[in-house]
């Protein structure tokens, strides 16, 4: 496991190495590292922009990560022309580096900081994006059909319980739990696109949510758990803008 000091040294080294390439126009730090890392297990998250071919910049970043000692690098295509490189060091440190054209830079969170800007274009683009983000009345959105999706998973859960297919019923139960967490995170104005700090949610919600887990895997316990998570879901949904007005939802809910 790496220390906080080691992580900072890797961060500085990565930034300094990338700055040496004229292909790299900007480097932006993301996540908890902007305000002070959450704890000793936190990763390094960066967004790197380029004014040249993104593929060329990506190869430079991969080479730099390898020079730092990354023994495994996973490349993920987020969308056309935007990539995420997930790299691991032997000490356990994870480095997440997204690479994209400067014109494609975006803001999805208040937690970002420019650490390198070769020409000033990065700051101008990020500030424009940030003003748009701050100006949104609803900064994070969720699917308008989230109530239907929840009820659909609940219906499937009930069917599989009747079939005595408890494993699949539990899978549907977990899908219901995921949607419940999304609504609660939205209500608390958390970063939905990458929110993981569930322990920061309201304590009453956490206690109620954890209390809905089945005590065992009997049909009766799973049915009770499904009813409890349903009650919690619609309680918090009523506090959101996504409360369904369709009378048929109530029919589905009580089916």
Protein backbone atom coordinates (compact mmCIF):
# COMPACT_ATOMS: atom_id res chain seq x y z
CA UNK A 1 0.00 0.00 0.00
CA UNK A 2 1.22 3.48 -0.84
CA UNK A 3 1.54 6.38 1.57
CA UNK A 4 0.07 9.86 1.06
CA UNK A 5 3.59 11.14 0.41
CA UNK A 6 4.21 8.49 -2.26
CA UNK A 7 0.94 9.29 -3.97
CA UNK A 8 1.85 12.99 -4.12
CA UNK A 9 5.25 12.17 -5.58
CA UNK A 10 3.66 10.06 -8.30
CA UNK A 11 1.16 12.83 -8.99
CA UNK A 12 3.90 15.46 -9.37
CA UNK A 13 6.04 13.14 -11.47
CA UNK A 14 3.17 12.25 -13.81
CA UNK A 15 2.21 15.89 -14.32
CA UNK A 16 5.82 16.99 -14.90
CA UNK A 17 6.47 14.23 -17.42
CA UNK A 18 3.28 14.97 -19.37
CA UNK A 19 4.04 18.70 -19.44
CA UNK A 20 7.23 17.98 -21.38
CA UNK A 21 5.27 16.81 -24.41
CA UNK A 22 4.05 19.56 -26.75
CA UNK A 23 1.10 17.29 -27.56
CA UNK A 24 -0.31 17.86 -24.08
CA UNK A 25 -2.21 21.13 -23.87
CA UNK A 26 -3.79 20.83 -20.45
CA UNK A 27 -3.97 18.70 -17.31
CA UNK A 28 -6.91 18.86 -14.93
CA UNK A 29 -7.09 17.17 -11.55
CA UNK A 30 -10.46 15.63 -10.68
CA UNK A 31 -12.17 14.22 -7.62
CA UNK A 32 -11.27 14.32 -3.96
CA UNK A 33 -7.63 15.17 -4.64
CA UNK A 34 -8.70 18.69 -5.56
CA UNK A 35 -9.65 19.53 -1.98
CA UNK A 36 -7.55 16.94 -0.17
CA UNK A 37 -7.73 13.23 -0.80
CA UNK A 38 -10.52 11.37 0.93
CA UNK A 39 -8.18 8.89 2.62
CA UNK A 40 -5.01 6.83 2.07
CA UNK A 41 -6.83 4.59 -0.42
CA UNK A 42 -7.71 7.40 -2.84
CA UNK A 43 -6.62 7.21 -6.47
CA UNK A 44 -5.12 9.83 -8.77
CA UNK A 45 -7.68 11.12 -11.28
CA UNK A 46 -6.66 13.36 -14.17
CA UNK A 47 -8.20 14.67 -17.38
CA UNK A 48 -5.64 15.42 -20.10
CA UNK A 49 -6.47 17.50 -23.16
CA UNK A 50 -4.69 17.85 -26.47
CA UNK A 51 -4.86 20.07 -29.54
CA UNK A 52 -3.41 17.33 -31.76
CA UNK A 53 -4.68 13.85 -32.58
CA UNK A 54 -6.12 12.27 -29.43
CA UNK A 55 -4.65 8.90 -30.41
CA UNK A 56 -1.14 10.39 -30.40
CA UNK A 57 -1.64 12.00 -26.99
CA UNK A 58 -3.02 8.72 -25.66
CA UNK A 59 0.13 6.86 -26.67
CA UNK A 60 2.28 9.49 -24.93
CA UNK A 61 0.27 9.06 -21.73
CA UNK A 62 0.55 5.27 -21.91
CA UNK A 63 4.32 5.52 -22.32
CA UNK A 64 4.50 7.93 -19.37
CA UNK A 65 2.45 5.63 -17.16
CA UNK A 66 4.74 2.74 -18.05
CA UNK A 67 7.79 4.86 -17.17
CA UNK A 68 6.23 5.48 -13.76
CA UNK A 69 6.07 1.72 -13.18
CA UNK A 70 2.53 0.81 -14.22
CA UNK A 71 2.43 -2.96 -14.71
CA UNK A 72 -1.11 -3.02 -16.13
CA UNK A 73 -2.96 -0.40 -18.16
CA UNK A 74 -6.56 -0.87 -19.26
CA UNK A 75 -7.81 1.33 -22.09
CA UNK A 76 -11.53 2.17 -22.15
CA UNK A 77 -13.30 4.05 -24.93
CA UNK A 78 -15.80 6.37 -23.24
CA UNK A 79 -17.06 7.70 -26.55
CA UNK A 80 -15.57 8.51 -29.92
CA UNK A 81 -12.35 10.43 -29.39
CA UNK A 82 -12.47 10.20 -25.59
CA UNK A 83 -10.50 7.53 -23.74
CA UNK A 84 -9.88 6.48 -20.16
CA UNK A 85 -6.61 4.84 -19.14
CA UNK A 86 -6.75 2.89 -15.88
CA UNK A 87 -3.25 2.10 -14.66
CA UNK A 88 -2.02 0.16 -11.63
CA UNK A 89 1.30 0.35 -9.82
CA UNK A 90 2.74 -2.54 -7.84
CA UNK A 91 2.21 -0.65 -4.57
CA UNK A 92 -1.56 -0.65 -5.24
CA UNK A 93 -1.90 2.94 -6.44
CA UNK A 94 -4.44 3.41 -9.23
CA UNK A 95 -4.13 6.20 -11.77
CA UNK A 96 -7.16 7.13 -13.88
CA UNK A 97 -6.29 9.37 -16.82
CA UNK A 98 -8.88 10.41 -19.38
CA UNK A 99 -7.65 11.96 -22.63
CA UNK A 100 -9.65 14.06 -25.09
CA UNK A 101 -9.44 17.07 -27.38
CA UNK A 102 -9.42 20.45 -25.66
CA UNK A 103 -12.63 21.38 -27.49
CA UNK A 104 -14.33 18.36 -25.90
CA UNK A 105 -13.47 19.31 -22.32
CA UNK A 106 -16.50 19.31 -20.03
CA UNK A 107 -17.51 19.88 -16.44
CA UNK A 108 -19.58 17.29 -14.62
CA UNK A 109 -18.56 18.14 -11.07
CA UNK A 110 -17.49 21.08 -8.89
CA UNK A 111 -14.35 19.10 -8.00
CA UNK A 112 -11.74 20.00 -10.62
CA UNK A 113 -8.55 22.05 -10.77
CA UNK A 114 -6.33 23.01 -13.70
CA UNK A 115 -2.73 22.02 -12.92
CA UNK A 116 -1.28 22.77 -16.37
CA UNK A 117 -2.49 24.98 -19.20
CA UNK A 118 -0.04 25.49 -22.06
CA UNK A 119 -1.84 28.26 -23.92
CA UNK A 120 -4.77 29.39 -21.78
CA UNK A 121 -7.29 27.56 -23.98
CA UNK A 122 -7.95 24.97 -21.27
CA UNK A 123 -8.94 27.53 -18.65
CA UNK A 124 -11.23 29.36 -21.07
CA UNK A 125 -12.97 26.15 -22.08
CA UNK A 126 -13.30 24.84 -18.53
CA UNK A 127 -14.61 28.13 -17.18
CA UNK A 128 -17.23 28.31 -19.93
CA UNK A 129 -18.30 24.78 -19.08
CA UNK A 130 -18.25 25.54 -15.36
CA UNK A 131 -20.51 28.58 -15.75
CA UNK A 132 -23.00 26.45 -17.65
CA UNK A 133 -22.80 23.77 -14.96
CA UNK A 134 -23.33 26.22 -12.10
CA UNK A 135 -26.19 27.87 -13.95
CA UNK A 136 -28.19 24.67 -14.25
CA UNK A 137 -31.19 24.53 -11.93
CA UNK A 138 -30.75 20.75 -11.82
CA UNK A 139 -27.05 19.93 -12.05
CA UNK A 140 -27.50 16.19 -12.15
CA UNK A 141 -30.33 14.36 -13.85
CA UNK A 142 -31.76 10.91 -13.47
CA UNK A 143 -33.94 8.88 -15.80
CA UNK A 144 -37.52 10.17 -15.84
CA UNK A 145 -38.62 6.54 -16.04
CA UNK A 146 -36.78 5.54 -12.87
CA UNK A 147 -40.07 4.78 -11.07
CA UNK A 148 -41.13 2.44 -13.87
CA UNK A 149 -37.74 0.72 -13.88
CA UNK A 150 -37.97 0.17 -10.13
CA UNK A 151 -41.47 -1.31 -10.38
CA UNK A 152 -40.39 -3.46 -13.32
CA UNK A 153 -37.53 -4.95 -11.28
CA UNK A 154 -39.91 -5.44 -8.35
CA UNK A 155 -42.37 -7.29 -10.59
CA UNK A 156 -39.57 -9.54 -11.86
CA UNK A 157 -38.41 -10.11 -8.29
CA UNK A 158 -41.88 -11.23 -7.25
CA UNK A 159 -42.22 -13.57 -10.23
CA UNK A 160 -38.88 -15.24 -9.53
CA UNK A 161 -39.79 -15.68 -5.86
CA UNK A 162 -42.94 -17.52 -6.95
CA UNK A 163 -40.77 -19.68 -9.21
CA UNK A 164 -38.50 -20.38 -6.24
CA UNK A 165 -35.64 -18.84 -8.25
CA UNK A 166 -34.20 -17.01 -5.25
CA UNK A 167 -30.84 -16.17 -6.86
CA UNK A 168 -32.47 -14.24 -9.71
CA UNK A 169 -34.93 -12.64 -7.30
CA UNK A 170 -31.99 -11.35 -5.26
CA UNK A 171 -30.42 -9.93 -8.44
CA UNK A 172 -33.61 -7.99 -9.12
CA UNK A 173 -33.60 -6.84 -5.52
CA UNK A 174 -30.11 -5.40 -6.02
CA UNK A 175 -31.28 -3.51 -9.11
CA UNK A 176 -33.99 -1.97 -6.93
CA UNK A 177 -31.34 -1.00 -4.39
CA UNK A 178 -29.19 0.68 -7.07
CA UNK A 179 -32.10 2.88 -8.17
CA UNK A 180 -32.88 3.76 -4.55
CA UNK A 181 -29.30 4.94 -4.02
CA UNK A 182 -29.43 7.02 -7.21
CA UNK A 183 -32.55 8.88 -6.06
CA UNK A 184 -31.15 9.52 -2.58
CA UNK A 185 -27.84 10.77 -3.98
CA UNK A 186 -29.77 13.07 -6.31
CA UNK A 187 -31.85 14.41 -3.42
CA UNK A 188 -28.65 15.19 -1.52
CA UNK A 189 -27.08 16.83 -4.61
CA UNK A 190 -24.21 14.36 -4.79
CA UNK A 191 -22.05 13.77 -7.87
CA UNK A 192 -24.22 11.16 -9.56
CA UNK A 193 -21.85 10.39 -12.43
CA UNK A 194 -19.17 9.01 -10.13
CA UNK A 195 -20.63 8.98 -6.63
CA UNK A 196 -19.30 6.22 -4.38
CA UNK A 197 -19.08 7.79 -0.93
CA UNK A 198 -22.31 6.25 0.32
CA UNK A 199 -21.23 6.64 3.93
CA UNK A 200 -21.71 10.41 3.49
CA UNK A 201 -25.45 10.05 2.84
CA UNK A 202 -27.91 11.04 5.55
CA UNK A 203 -27.56 8.72 8.54
CA UNK A 204 -31.31 8.01 8.77
CA UNK A 205 -31.35 6.90 5.15
CA UNK A 206 -28.27 4.71 5.63
CA UNK A 207 -29.80 2.98 8.66
CA UNK A 208 -33.10 2.40 6.89
CA UNK A 209 -31.42 1.21 3.71
CA UNK A 210 -29.17 -1.26 5.52
CA UNK A 211 -32.17 -2.50 7.47
CA UNK A 212 -33.87 -3.64 4.27
CA UNK A 213 -31.35 -6.38 3.55
CA UNK A 214 -32.86 -9.86 4.00
CA UNK A 215 -31.78 -11.63 7.17
CA UNK A 216 -31.61 -14.90 5.25
CA UNK A 217 -32.43 -16.27 1.80
CA UNK A 218 -35.89 -17.69 2.46
CA UNK A 219 -38.76 -16.63 0.21
CA UNK A 220 -40.44 -14.85 3.12
CA UNK A 221 -37.30 -12.85 3.93
CA UNK A 222 -36.77 -11.80 0.31
CA UNK A 223 -40.44 -10.75 -0.01
CA UNK A 224 -40.14 -8.65 3.15
CA UNK A 225 -36.92 -7.08 1.91
CA UNK A 226 -38.53 -6.20 -1.46
CA UNK A 227 -41.47 -4.55 0.32
CA UNK A 228 -39.15 -2.57 2.60
CA UNK A 229 -36.96 -1.28 -0.22
CA UNK A 230 -40.12 -0.39 -2.19
CA UNK A 231 -41.41 1.70 0.72
CA UNK A 232 -38.05 3.45 1.06
CA UNK A 233 -37.74 4.08 -2.68
CA UNK A 234 -41.13 5.75 -3.02
CA UNK A 235 -40.66 7.71 0.20
CA UNK A 236 -37.51 9.38 -1.14
CA UNK A 237 -38.90 9.58 -4.68
CA UNK A 238 -41.73 11.75 -3.35
CA UNK A 239 -39.06 14.24 -2.27
CA UNK A 240 -37.61 14.43 -5.78
CA UNK A 241 -38.86 16.02 -9.04
CA UNK A 242 -39.35 12.53 -10.46
CA UNK A 243 -42.45 11.56 -8.50
CA UNK A 244 -44.81 9.89 -11.03
CA UNK A 245 -48.26 11.42 -11.46
CA UNK A 246 -49.70 8.58 -13.52
CA UNK A 247 -52.43 6.74 -11.59
CA UNK A 248 -51.30 3.48 -13.21
CA UNK A 249 -48.06 3.65 -11.23
CA UNK A 250 -50.08 3.13 -8.07
CA UNK A 251 -51.66 0.06 -9.63
CA UNK A 252 -48.24 -1.31 -10.46
CA UNK A 253 -46.94 -0.43 -7.02
CA UNK A 254 -49.65 -2.42 -5.28
CA UNK A 255 -49.65 -5.35 -7.68
